[in-house]
PDB file of all heavy atoms in Angstrom:
ATOM      1  N   THR A   1       2.666   4.005  -2.286  1.00  0.00           N
ATOM      2  CA  THR A   1       1.540   3.765  -1.385  1.00  0.00           C
ATOM      3  C   THR A   1       0.817   5.056  -1.054  1.00  0.00           C
ATOM      4  O   THR A   1      -0.427   5.118  -1.071  1.00  0.00           O
ATOM      5  CB  THR A   1       2.027   3.079  -0.100  1.00  0.00           C
ATOM      6  OG1 THR A   1       2.632   1.827  -0.436  1.00  0.00           O
ATOM      7  CG2 THR A   1       0.873   2.831   0.860  1.00  0.00           C
ATOM      8  N   ALA A   2       1.580   6.104  -0.753  1.00  0.00           N
ATOM      9  CA  ALA A   2       0.953   7.403  -0.468  1.00  0.00           C
ATOM     10  C   ALA A   2       0.176   7.907  -1.674  1.00  0.00           C
ATOM     11  O   ALA A   2      -0.963   8.395  -1.545  1.00  0.00           O
ATOM     12  CB  ALA A   2       2.032   8.413  -0.065  1.00  0.00           C
ATOM     13  N   GLY A   3       0.746   7.778  -2.864  1.00  0.00           N
ATOM     14  CA  GLY A   3       0.070   8.227  -4.078  1.00  0.00           C
ATOM     15  C   GLY A   3      -1.163   7.408  -4.391  1.00  0.00           C
ATOM     16  O   GLY A   3      -2.195   7.944  -4.816  1.00  0.00           O
ATOM     17  N   ALA A   4      -1.072   6.082  -4.165  1.00  0.00           N
ATOM     18  CA  ALA A   4      -2.222   5.216  -4.436  1.00  0.00           C
ATOM     19  C   ALA A   4      -3.379   5.520  -3.478  1.00  0.00           C
ATOM     20  O   ALA A   4      -4.541   5.580  -3.893  1.00  0.00           O
ATOM     21  CB  ALA A   4      -1.804   3.750  -4.319  1.00  0.00           C
ATOM     22  N   PHE A   5      -3.069   5.721  -2.219  1.00  0.00           N
ATOM     23  CA  PHE A   5      -4.113   6.071  -1.251  1.00  0.00           C
ATOM     24  C   PHE A   5      -4.749   7.412  -1.619  1.00  0.00           C
ATOM     25  O   PHE A   5      -5.978   7.569  -1.552  1.00  0.00           O
ATOM     26  CB  PHE A   5      -3.534   6.130   0.158  1.00  0.00           C
ATOM     27  CG  PHE A   5      -3.625   4.839   0.913  1.00  0.00           C
ATOM     28  CD1 PHE A   5      -2.604   3.895   0.837  1.00  0.00           C
ATOM     29  CD2 PHE A   5      -4.734   4.549   1.682  1.00  0.00           C
ATOM     30  CE1 PHE A   5      -2.688   2.699   1.524  1.00  0.00           C
ATOM     31  CE2 PHE A   5      -4.835   3.351   2.369  1.00  0.00           C
ATOM     32  CZ  PHE A   5      -3.803   2.422   2.297  1.00  0.00           C
ATOM     33  N   ALA A   6      -3.912   8.375  -2.005  1.00  0.00           N
ATOM     34  CA  ALA A   6      -4.438   9.699  -2.371  1.00  0.00           C
ATOM     35  C   ALA A   6      -5.303   9.614  -3.621  1.00  0.00           C
ATOM     36  O   ALA A   6      -6.382  10.227  -3.692  1.00  0.00           O
ATOM     37  CB  ALA A   6      -3.287  10.673  -2.586  1.00  0.00           C
ATOM     38  N   GLY A   7      -4.859   8.861  -4.627  1.00  0.00           N
ATOM     39  CA  GLY A   7      -5.619   8.727  -5.862  1.00  0.00           C
ATOM     40  C   GLY A   7      -6.942   8.020  -5.642  1.00  0.00           C
ATOM     41  O   GLY A   7      -7.973   8.415  -6.207  1.00  0.00           O
ATOM     42  N   TYR A   8      -6.948   6.989  -4.817  1.00  0.00           N
ATOM     43  CA  TYR A   8      -8.186   6.264  -4.533  1.00  0.00           C
ATOM     44  C   TYR A   8      -9.135   7.123  -3.709  1.00  0.00           C
ATOM     45  O   TYR A   8     -10.339   7.197  -3.986  1.00  0.00           O
ATOM     46  CB  TYR A   8      -7.856   4.980  -3.778  1.00  0.00           C
ATOM     47  CG  TYR A   8      -9.039   4.076  -3.527  1.00  0.00           C
ATOM     48  CD1 TYR A   8      -9.473   3.180  -4.498  1.00  0.00           C
ATOM     49  CD2 TYR A   8      -9.714   4.104  -2.309  1.00  0.00           C
ATOM     50  CE1 TYR A   8     -10.550   2.338  -4.268  1.00  0.00           C
ATOM     51  CE2 TYR A   8     -10.796   3.269  -2.068  1.00  0.00           C
ATOM     52  CZ  TYR A   8     -11.208   2.385  -3.042  1.00  0.00           C
ATOM     53  OH  TYR A   8     -12.285   1.559  -2.816  1.00  0.00           O
ATOM     54  N   ALA A   9      -8.597   7.810  -2.692  1.00  0.00           N
ATOM     55  CA  ALA A   9      -9.440   8.625  -1.821  1.00  0.00           C
ATOM     56  C   ALA A   9     -10.058   9.804  -2.547  1.00  0.00           C
ATOM     57  O   ALA A   9     -11.126  10.285  -2.165  1.00  0.00           O
ATOM     58  CB  ALA A   9      -8.607   9.129  -0.637  1.00  0.00           C
ATOM     59  N   ALA A  10      -9.401  10.262  -3.609  1.00  0.00           N
ATOM     60  CA  ALA A  10      -9.941  11.399  -4.357  1.00  0.00           C
ATOM     61  C   ALA A  10     -11.255  11.065  -5.045  1.00  0.00           C
ATOM     62  O   ALA A  10     -12.100  11.945  -5.255  1.00  0.00           O
ATOM     63  CB  ALA A  10      -8.914  11.873  -5.381  1.00  0.00           C
ATOM     64  N   PHE A  11     -11.458   9.783  -5.384  1.00  0.00           N
ATOM     65  CA  PHE A  11     -12.654   9.405  -6.134  1.00  0.00           C
ATOM     66  C   PHE A  11     -13.575   8.463  -5.353  1.00  0.00           C
ATOM     67  O   PHE A  11     -14.740   8.309  -5.699  1.00  0.00           O
ATOM     68  CB  PHE A  11     -12.252   8.745  -7.454  1.00  0.00           C
ATOM     69  CG  PHE A  11     -11.464   9.654  -8.357  1.00  0.00           C
ATOM     70  CD1 PHE A  11     -10.084   9.607  -8.404  1.00  0.00           C
ATOM     71  CD2 PHE A  11     -12.122  10.601  -9.139  1.00  0.00           C
ATOM     72  CE1 PHE A  11      -9.358  10.460  -9.225  1.00  0.00           C
ATOM     73  CE2 PHE A  11     -11.412  11.456  -9.965  1.00  0.00           C
ATOM     74  CZ  PHE A  11     -10.020  11.393  -9.997  1.00  0.00           C
ATOM     75  N   VAL A  12     -13.032   7.815  -4.331  1.00  0.00           N
ATOM     76  CA  VAL A  12     -13.852   6.961  -3.470  1.00  0.00           C
ATOM     77  C   VAL A  12     -13.575   7.374  -2.027  1.00  0.00           C
ATOM     78  O   VAL A  12     -12.992   6.607  -1.249  1.00  0.00           O
ATOM     79  CB  VAL A  12     -13.539   5.466  -3.690  1.00  0.00           C
ATOM     80  CG1 VAL A  12     -14.610   4.581  -3.061  1.00  0.00           C
ATOM     81  CG2 VAL A  12     -13.410   5.135  -5.163  1.00  0.00           C
ATOM     82  N   PRO A  13     -13.955   8.573  -1.643  1.00  0.00           N
ATOM     83  CA  PRO A  13     -13.513   9.139  -0.368  1.00  0.00           C
ATOM     84  C   PRO A  13     -14.079   8.464   0.863  1.00  0.00           C
ATOM     85  O   PRO A  13     -13.484   8.541   1.942  1.00  0.00           O
ATOM     86  CB  PRO A  13     -13.975  10.595  -0.457  1.00  0.00           C
ATOM     87  CG  PRO A  13     -15.135  10.572  -1.398  1.00  0.00           C
ATOM     88  CD  PRO A  13     -14.800   9.505  -2.397  1.00  0.00           C
ATOM     89  N   GLU A  14     -15.206   7.792   0.719  1.00  0.00           N
ATOM     90  CA  GLU A  14     -15.870   7.276   1.908  1.00  0.00           C
ATOM     91  C   GLU A  14     -15.399   5.883   2.322  1.00  0.00           C
ATOM     92  O   GLU A  14     -15.787   5.377   3.370  1.00  0.00           O
ATOM     93  CB  GLU A  14     -17.400   7.237   1.694  1.00  0.00           C
ATOM     94  CG  GLU A  14     -17.879   6.219   0.672  1.00  0.00           C
ATOM     95  CD  GLU A  14     -17.772   6.712  -0.765  1.00  0.00           C
ATOM     96  OE1 GLU A  14     -17.251   7.833  -0.962  1.00  0.00           O
ATOM     97  OE2 GLU A  14     -18.191   5.992  -1.680  1.00  0.00           O
ATOM     98  N   LEU A  15     -14.568   5.218   1.513  1.00  0.00           N
ATOM     99  CA  LEU A  15     -14.250   3.813   1.772  1.00  0.00           C
ATOM    100  C   LEU A  15     -12.812   3.543   2.214  1.00  0.00           C
ATOM    101  O   LEU A  15     -12.546   2.500   2.798  1.00  0.00           O
ATOM    102  CB  LEU A  15     -14.530   2.978   0.514  1.00  0.00           C
ATOM    103  CG  LEU A  15     -16.006   2.875   0.088  1.00  0.00           C
ATOM    104  CD1 LEU A  15     -16.115   2.091  -1.204  1.00  0.00           C
ATOM    105  CD2 LEU A  15     -16.828   2.220   1.182  1.00  0.00           C
ATOM    106  N   TRP A  16     -11.895   4.443   1.936  1.00  0.00           N
ATOM    107  CA  TRP A  16     -10.486   4.091   2.135  1.00  0.00           C
ATOM    108  C   TRP A  16     -10.088   4.046   3.605  1.00  0.00           C
ATOM    109  O   TRP A  16      -9.132   3.374   3.984  1.00  0.00           O
ATOM    110  CB  TRP A  16      -9.580   5.069   1.388  1.00  0.00           C
ATOM    111  CG  TRP A  16      -9.590   6.475   1.940  1.00  0.00           C
ATOM    112  CD1 TRP A  16     -10.493   7.441   1.660  1.00  0.00           C
ATOM    113  CD2 TRP A  16      -8.667   7.041   2.860  1.00  0.00           C
ATOM    114  NE1 TRP A  16     -10.189   8.597   2.343  1.00  0.00           N
ATOM    115  CE2 TRP A  16      -9.071   8.375   3.090  1.00  0.00           C
ATOM    116  CE3 TRP A  16      -7.533   6.564   3.509  1.00  0.00           C
ATOM    117  CZ2 TRP A  16      -8.381   9.230   3.935  1.00  0.00           C
ATOM    118  CZ3 TRP A  16      -6.844   7.408   4.360  1.00  0.00           C
ATOM    119  CH2 TRP A  16      -7.267   8.732   4.569  1.00  0.00           C
ATOM    120  N   LYS A  17     -10.840   4.728   4.469  1.00  0.00           N
ATOM    121  CA  LYS A  17     -10.528   4.683   5.893  1.00  0.00           C
ATOM    122  C   LYS A  17     -11.086   3.396   6.491  1.00  0.00           C
ATOM    123  O   LYS A  17     -12.081   2.858   6.040  1.00  0.00           O
ATOM    124  CB  LYS A  17     -11.133   5.881   6.612  1.00  0.00           C
ATOM    125  CG  LYS A  17     -10.601   7.221   6.131  1.00  0.00           C
ATOM    126  CD  LYS A  17     -11.279   8.361   6.851  1.00  0.00           C
ATOM    127  CE  LYS A  17     -10.780   9.706   6.344  1.00  0.00           C
ATOM    128  NZ  LYS A  17     -11.453  10.850   7.001  1.00  0.00           N
ATOM    129  N   GLY A  18     -10.424   2.918   7.545  1.00  0.00           N
ATOM    130  CA  GLY A  18     -10.900   1.707   8.191  1.00  0.00           C
ATOM    131  C   GLY A  18      -9.860   1.155   9.138  1.00  0.00           C
ATOM    132  O   GLY A  18      -8.702   1.605   9.148  1.00  0.00           O
ATOM    133  N   PRO A  19     -10.226   0.165   9.939  1.00  0.00           N
ATOM    134  CA  PRO A  19      -9.276  -0.396  10.911  1.00  0.00           C
ATOM    135  C   PRO A  19      -8.076  -1.075  10.259  1.00  0.00           C
ATOM    136  O   PRO A  19      -7.033  -1.236  10.891  1.00  0.00           O
ATOM    137  CB  PRO A  19     -10.143  -1.406  11.689  1.00  0.00           C
ATOM    138  CG  PRO A  19     -11.292  -1.719  10.782  1.00  0.00           C
ATOM    139  CD  PRO A  19     -11.556  -0.462  10.022  1.00  0.00           C
ATOM    140  N   ALA A  20      -8.236  -1.487   9.000  1.00  0.00           N
ATOM    141  CA  ALA A  20      -7.134  -2.164   8.306  1.00  0.00           C
ATOM    142  C   ALA A  20      -6.224  -1.193   7.568  1.00  0.00           C
ATOM    143  O   ALA A  20      -5.289  -1.620   6.884  1.00  0.00           O
ATOM    144  CB  ALA A  20      -7.689  -3.187   7.326  1.00  0.00           C
ATOM    145  N   LEU A  21      -6.467   0.095   7.718  1.00  0.00           N
ATOM    146  CA  LEU A  21      -5.718   1.102   6.965  1.00  0.00           C
ATOM    147  C   LEU A  21      -4.218   1.019   7.231  1.00  0.00           C
ATOM    148  O   LEU A  21      -3.413   0.978   6.298  1.00  0.00           O
ATOM    149  CB  LEU A  21      -6.239   2.501   7.319  1.00  0.00           C
ATOM    150  CG  LEU A  21      -5.402   3.700   6.825  1.00  0.00           C
ATOM    151  CD1 LEU A  21      -5.367   3.728   5.305  1.00  0.00           C
ATOM    152  CD2 LEU A  21      -5.974   5.007   7.371  1.00  0.00           C
ATOM    153  N   VAL A  22      -3.840   0.981   8.499  1.00  0.00           N
ATOM    154  CA  VAL A  22      -2.415   0.981   8.853  1.00  0.00           C
ATOM    155  C   VAL A  22      -1.727  -0.271   8.328  1.00  0.00           C
ATOM    156  O   VAL A  22      -0.629  -0.210   7.766  1.00  0.00           O
ATOM    157  CB  VAL A  22      -2.250   1.105  10.377  1.00  0.00           C
ATOM    158  CG1 VAL A  22      -0.773   0.956  10.763  1.00  0.00           C
ATOM    159  CG2 VAL A  22      -2.782   2.442  10.870  1.00  0.00           C
ATOM    160  N   ARG A  23      -2.385  -1.428   8.518  1.00  0.00           N
ATOM    161  CA  ARG A  23      -1.773  -2.662   8.040  1.00  0.00           C
ATOM    162  C   ARG A  23      -1.631  -2.668   6.534  1.00  0.00           C
ATOM    163  O   ARG A  23      -0.585  -3.041   5.989  1.00  0.00           O
ATOM    164  CB  ARG A  23      -2.606  -3.871   8.474  1.00  0.00           C
ATOM    165  CG  ARG A  23      -2.066  -5.152   7.858  1.00  0.00           C
ATOM    166  CD  ARG A  23      -2.880  -6.377   8.166  1.00  0.00           C
ATOM    167  NE  ARG A  23      -4.300  -6.179   8.169  1.00  0.00           N
ATOM    168  CZ  ARG A  23      -5.057  -6.098   7.071  1.00  0.00           C
ATOM    169  NH1 ARG A  23      -4.493  -6.113   5.864  1.00  0.00           N
ATOM    170  NH2 ARG A  23      -6.362  -5.966   7.165  1.00  0.00           N
ATOM    171  N   SER A  24      -2.661  -2.259   5.824  1.00  0.00           N
ATOM    172  CA  SER A  24      -2.610  -2.237   4.371  1.00  0.00           C
ATOM    173  C   SER A  24      -1.535  -1.281   3.861  1.00  0.00           C
ATOM    174  O   SER A  24      -0.813  -1.595   2.905  1.00  0.00           O
ATOM    175  CB  SER A  24      -3.977  -1.848   3.809  1.00  0.00           C
ATOM    176  OG  SER A  24      -3.968  -1.866   2.398  1.00  0.00           O
ATOM    177  N   ALA A  25      -1.423  -0.119   4.503  1.00  0.00           N
ATOM    178  CA  ALA A  25      -0.399   0.847   4.095  1.00  0.00           C
ATOM    179  C   ALA A  25       1.002   0.314   4.390  1.00  0.00           C
ATOM    180  O   ALA A  25       1.921   0.462   3.575  1.00  0.00           O
ATOM    181  CB  ALA A  25      -0.626   2.171   4.817  1.00  0.00           C
ATOM    182  N   THR A  26       1.167  -0.320   5.546  1.00  0.00           N
ATOM    183  CA  THR A  26       2.470  -0.902   5.884  1.00  0.00           C
ATOM    184  C   THR A  26       2.864  -1.982   4.893  1.00  0.00           C
ATOM    185  O   THR A  26       4.006  -2.045   4.427  1.00  0.00           O
ATOM    186  CB  THR A  26       2.432  -1.486   7.304  1.00  0.00           C
ATOM    187  OG1 THR A  26       2.066  -0.460   8.237  1.00  0.00           O
ATOM    188  CG2 THR A  26       3.788  -2.059   7.695  1.00  0.00           C
ATOM    189  N   ALA A  27       1.908  -2.847   4.563  1.00  0.00           N
ATOM    190  CA  ALA A  27       2.180  -3.895   3.581  1.00  0.00           C
ATOM    191  C   ALA A  27       2.488  -3.307   2.213  1.00  0.00           C
ATOM    192  O   ALA A  27       3.346  -3.816   1.482  1.00  0.00           O
ATOM    193  CB  ALA A  27       0.978  -4.844   3.494  1.00  0.00           C
ATOM    194  N   GLY A  28       1.803  -2.202   1.866  1.00  0.00           N
ATOM    195  CA  GLY A  28       2.075  -1.557   0.586  1.00  0.00           C
ATOM    196  C   GLY A  28       3.484  -1.003   0.489  1.00  0.00           C
ATOM    197  O   GLY A  28       4.088  -0.992  -0.589  1.00  0.00           O
ATOM    198  N   VAL A  29       4.027  -0.568   1.622  1.00  0.00           N
ATOM    199  CA  VAL A  29       5.401  -0.065   1.640  1.00  0.00           C
ATOM    200  C   VAL A  29       6.405  -1.208   1.585  1.00  0.00           C
ATOM    201  O   VAL A  29       7.434  -1.129   0.889  1.00  0.00           O
ATOM    202  CB  VAL A  29       5.624   0.798   2.896  1.00  0.00           C
ATOM    203  CG1 VAL A  29       7.103   1.164   3.046  1.00  0.00           C
ATOM    204  CG2 VAL A  29       4.778   2.068   2.837  1.00  0.00           C
ATOM    205  N   LEU A  30       6.129  -2.290   2.320  1.00  0.00           N
ATOM    206  CA  LEU A  30       7.094  -3.386   2.438  1.00  0.00           C
ATOM    207  C   LEU A  30       7.038  -4.380   1.274  1.00  0.00           C
ATOM    208  O   LEU A  30       8.033  -5.044   0.982  1.00  0.00           O
ATOM    209  CB  LEU A  30       6.863  -4.138   3.752  1.00  0.00           C
ATOM    210  CG  LEU A  30       7.133  -3.345   5.036  1.00  0.00           C
ATOM    211  CD1 LEU A  30       6.863  -4.204   6.261  1.00  0.00           C
ATOM    212  CD2 LEU A  30       8.560  -2.820   5.055  1.00  0.00           C
ATOM    213  N   TYR A  31       5.895  -4.481   0.619  1.00  0.00           N
ATOM    214  CA  TYR A  31       5.765  -5.435  -0.481  1.00  0.00           C
ATOM    215  C   TYR A  31       6.826  -5.225  -1.570  1.00  0.00           C
ATOM    216  O   TYR A  31       7.479  -6.188  -1.997  1.00  0.00           O
ATOM    217  CB  TYR A  31       4.354  -5.360  -1.073  1.00  0.00           C
ATOM    218  CG  TYR A  31       4.087  -6.342  -2.181  1.00  0.00           C
ATOM    219  CD1 TYR A  31       3.553  -7.599  -1.916  1.00  0.00           C
ATOM    220  CD2 TYR A  31       4.370  -6.018  -3.515  1.00  0.00           C
ATOM    221  CE1 TYR A  31       3.305  -8.507  -2.946  1.00  0.00           C
ATOM    222  CE2 TYR A  31       4.123  -6.917  -4.539  1.00  0.00           C
ATOM    223  CZ  TYR A  31       3.599  -8.150  -4.248  1.00  0.00           C
ATOM    224  OH  TYR A  31       3.370  -9.054  -5.279  1.00  0.00           O
ATOM    225  N   PRO A  32       7.043  -3.989  -2.061  1.00  0.00           N
ATOM    226  CA  PRO A  32       8.093  -3.804  -3.080  1.00  0.00           C
ATOM    227  C   PRO A  32       9.483  -4.186  -2.585  1.00  0.00           C
ATOM    228  O   PRO A  32      10.287  -4.726  -3.343  1.00  0.00           O
ATOM    229  CB  PRO A  32       8.006  -2.305  -3.407  1.00  0.00           C
ATOM    230  CG  PRO A  32       6.626  -1.907  -3.028  1.00  0.00           C
ATOM    231  CD  PRO A  32       6.300  -2.726  -1.831  1.00  0.00           C
ATOM    232  N   VAL A  33       9.764  -3.912  -1.318  1.00  0.00           N
ATOM    233  CA  VAL A  33      11.079  -4.246  -0.767  1.00  0.00           C
ATOM    234  C   VAL A  33      11.287  -5.752  -0.782  1.00  0.00           C
ATOM    235  O   VAL A  33      12.328  -6.258  -1.243  1.00  0.00           O
ATOM    236  CB  VAL A  33      11.214  -3.698   0.672  1.00  0.00           C
ATOM    237  CG1 VAL A  33      12.570  -4.089   1.260  1.00  0.00           C
ATOM    238  CG2 VAL A  33      11.051  -2.186   0.684  1.00  0.00           C
ATOM    239  N   LEU A  34      10.323  -6.487  -0.265  1.00  0.00           N
ATOM    240  CA  LEU A  34      10.441  -7.944  -0.205  1.00  0.00           C
ATOM    241  C   LEU A  34      10.478  -8.556  -1.604  1.00  0.00           C
ATOM    242  O   LEU A  34      11.219  -9.514  -1.858  1.00  0.00           O
ATOM    243  CB  LEU A  34       9.274  -8.526   0.586  1.00  0.00           C
ATOM    244  CG  LEU A  34       9.214  -8.105   2.061  1.00  0.00           C
ATOM    245  CD1 LEU A  34       7.959  -8.656   2.727  1.00  0.00           C
ATOM    246  CD2 LEU A  34      10.454  -8.558   2.812  1.00  0.00           C
ATOM    247  N   LEU A  35       9.704  -7.993  -2.522  1.00  0.00           N
ATOM    248  CA  LEU A  35       9.702  -8.492  -3.899  1.00  0.00           C
ATOM    249  C   LEU A  35      11.066  -8.305  -4.553  1.00  0.00           C
ATOM    250  O   LEU A  35      11.587  -9.216  -5.204  1.00  0.00           O
ATOM    251  CB  LEU A  35       8.618  -7.779  -4.712  1.00  0.00           C
ATOM    252  CG  LEU A  35       8.493  -8.190  -6.186  1.00  0.00           C
ATOM    253  CD1 LEU A  35       8.032  -9.646  -6.293  1.00  0.00           C
ATOM    254  CD2 LEU A  35       7.511  -7.280  -6.925  1.00  0.00           C
ATOM    255  N   VAL A  36      11.662  -7.137  -4.374  1.00  0.00           N
ATOM    256  CA  VAL A  36      12.963  -6.853  -4.981  1.00  0.00           C
ATOM    257  C   VAL A  36      14.047  -7.739  -4.373  1.00  0.00           C
ATOM    258  O   VAL A  36      14.898  -8.286  -5.091  1.00  0.00           O
ATOM    259  CB  VAL A  36      13.311  -5.360  -4.822  1.00  0.00           C
ATOM    260  CG1 VAL A  36      14.788  -5.109  -5.109  1.00  0.00           C
ATOM    261  CG2 VAL A  36      12.453  -4.518  -5.765  1.00  0.00           C
ATOM    262  N   VAL A  37      14.046  -7.921  -3.058  1.00  0.00           N
ATOM    263  CA  VAL A  37      15.041  -8.785  -2.415  1.00  0.00           C
ATOM    264  C   VAL A  37      14.884 -10.220  -2.914  1.00  0.00           C
ATOM    265  O   VAL A  37      15.882 -10.907  -3.197  1.00  0.00           O
ATOM    266  CB  VAL A  37      14.903  -8.720  -0.883  1.00  0.00           C
ATOM    267  CG1 VAL A  37      15.779  -9.785  -0.217  1.00  0.00           C
ATOM    268  CG2 VAL A  37      15.298  -7.340  -0.377  1.00  0.00           C
ATOM    269  N   PHE A  38      13.653 -10.684  -3.027  1.00  0.00           N
ATOM    270  CA  PHE A  38      13.402 -12.037  -3.536  1.00  0.00           C
ATOM    271  C   PHE A  38      13.947 -12.195  -4.959  1.00  0.00           C
ATOM    272  O   PHE A  38      14.622 -13.181  -5.269  1.00  0.00           O
ATOM    273  CB  PHE A  38      11.903 -12.322  -3.508  1.00  0.00           C
ATOM    274  CG  PHE A  38      11.507 -13.625  -4.146  1.00  0.00           C
ATOM    275  CD1 PHE A  38      11.746 -14.829  -3.515  1.00  0.00           C
ATOM    276  CD2 PHE A  38      10.895 -13.638  -5.398  1.00  0.00           C
ATOM    277  CE1 PHE A  38      11.385 -16.034  -4.113  1.00  0.00           C
ATOM    278  CE2 PHE A  38      10.531 -14.830  -5.997  1.00  0.00           C
ATOM    279  CZ  PHE A  38      10.772 -16.034  -5.358  1.00  0.00           C
ATOM    280  N   CYS A  39      13.663 -11.228  -5.808  1.00  0.00           N
ATOM    281  CA  CYS A  39      14.110 -11.307  -7.201  1.00  0.00           C
ATOM    282  C   CYS A  39      15.627 -11.175  -7.328  1.00  0.00           C
ATOM    283  O   CYS A  39      16.247 -11.840  -8.164  1.00  0.00           O
ATOM    284  CB  CYS A  39      13.416 -10.230  -8.032  1.00  0.00           C
ATOM    285  SG  CYS A  39      11.639 -10.461  -8.208  1.00  0.00           S
ATOM    286  N   LEU A  40      16.224 -10.331  -6.504  1.00  0.00           N
ATOM    287  CA  LEU A  40      17.687 -10.208  -6.512  1.00  0.00           C
ATOM    288  C   LEU A  40      18.338 -11.532  -6.124  1.00  0.00           C
ATOM    289  O   LEU A  40      19.311 -11.970  -6.755  1.00  0.00           O
ATOM    290  CB  LEU A  40      18.120  -9.108  -5.546  1.00  0.00           C
ATOM    291  CG  LEU A  40      18.069  -7.671  -6.053  1.00  0.00           C
ATOM    292  CD1 LEU A  40      18.299  -6.694  -4.902  1.00  0.00           C
ATOM    293  CD2 LEU A  40      19.104  -7.445  -7.145  1.00  0.00           C
ATOM    294  N   GLY A  41      17.821 -12.147  -5.069  1.00  0.00           N
ATOM    295  CA  GLY A  41      18.389 -13.420  -4.629  1.00  0.00           C
ATOM    296  C   GLY A  41      18.249 -14.496  -5.679  1.00  0.00           C
ATOM    297  O   GLY A  41      19.199 -15.255  -5.949  1.00  0.00           O
ATOM    298  N   LEU A  42      17.094 -14.580  -6.312  1.00  0.00           N
ATOM    299  CA  LEU A  42      16.882 -15.605  -7.330  1.00  0.00           C
ATOM    300  C   LEU A  42      17.745 -15.345  -8.567  1.00  0.00           C
ATOM    301  O   LEU A  42      18.242 -16.290  -9.193  1.00  0.00           O
ATOM    302  CB  LEU A  42      15.404 -15.648  -7.723  1.00  0.00           C
ATOM    303  CG  LEU A  42      14.934 -16.914  -8.440  1.00  0.00           C
ATOM    304  CD1 LEU A  42      15.229 -18.148  -7.607  1.00  0.00           C
ATOM    305  CD2 LEU A  42      13.451 -16.834  -8.740  1.00  0.00           C
TER     306      LEU A  42
END
């Protein structure tokens, strides 16, 4: 998530900030965790 935000901001610097930034970053961190747990269980 940190790398994706940095890579996007390097080329589209004016758009990545916003009120949804924290939520999107949090979801980006938790999405892989939930996906892996789901796949492990299945």
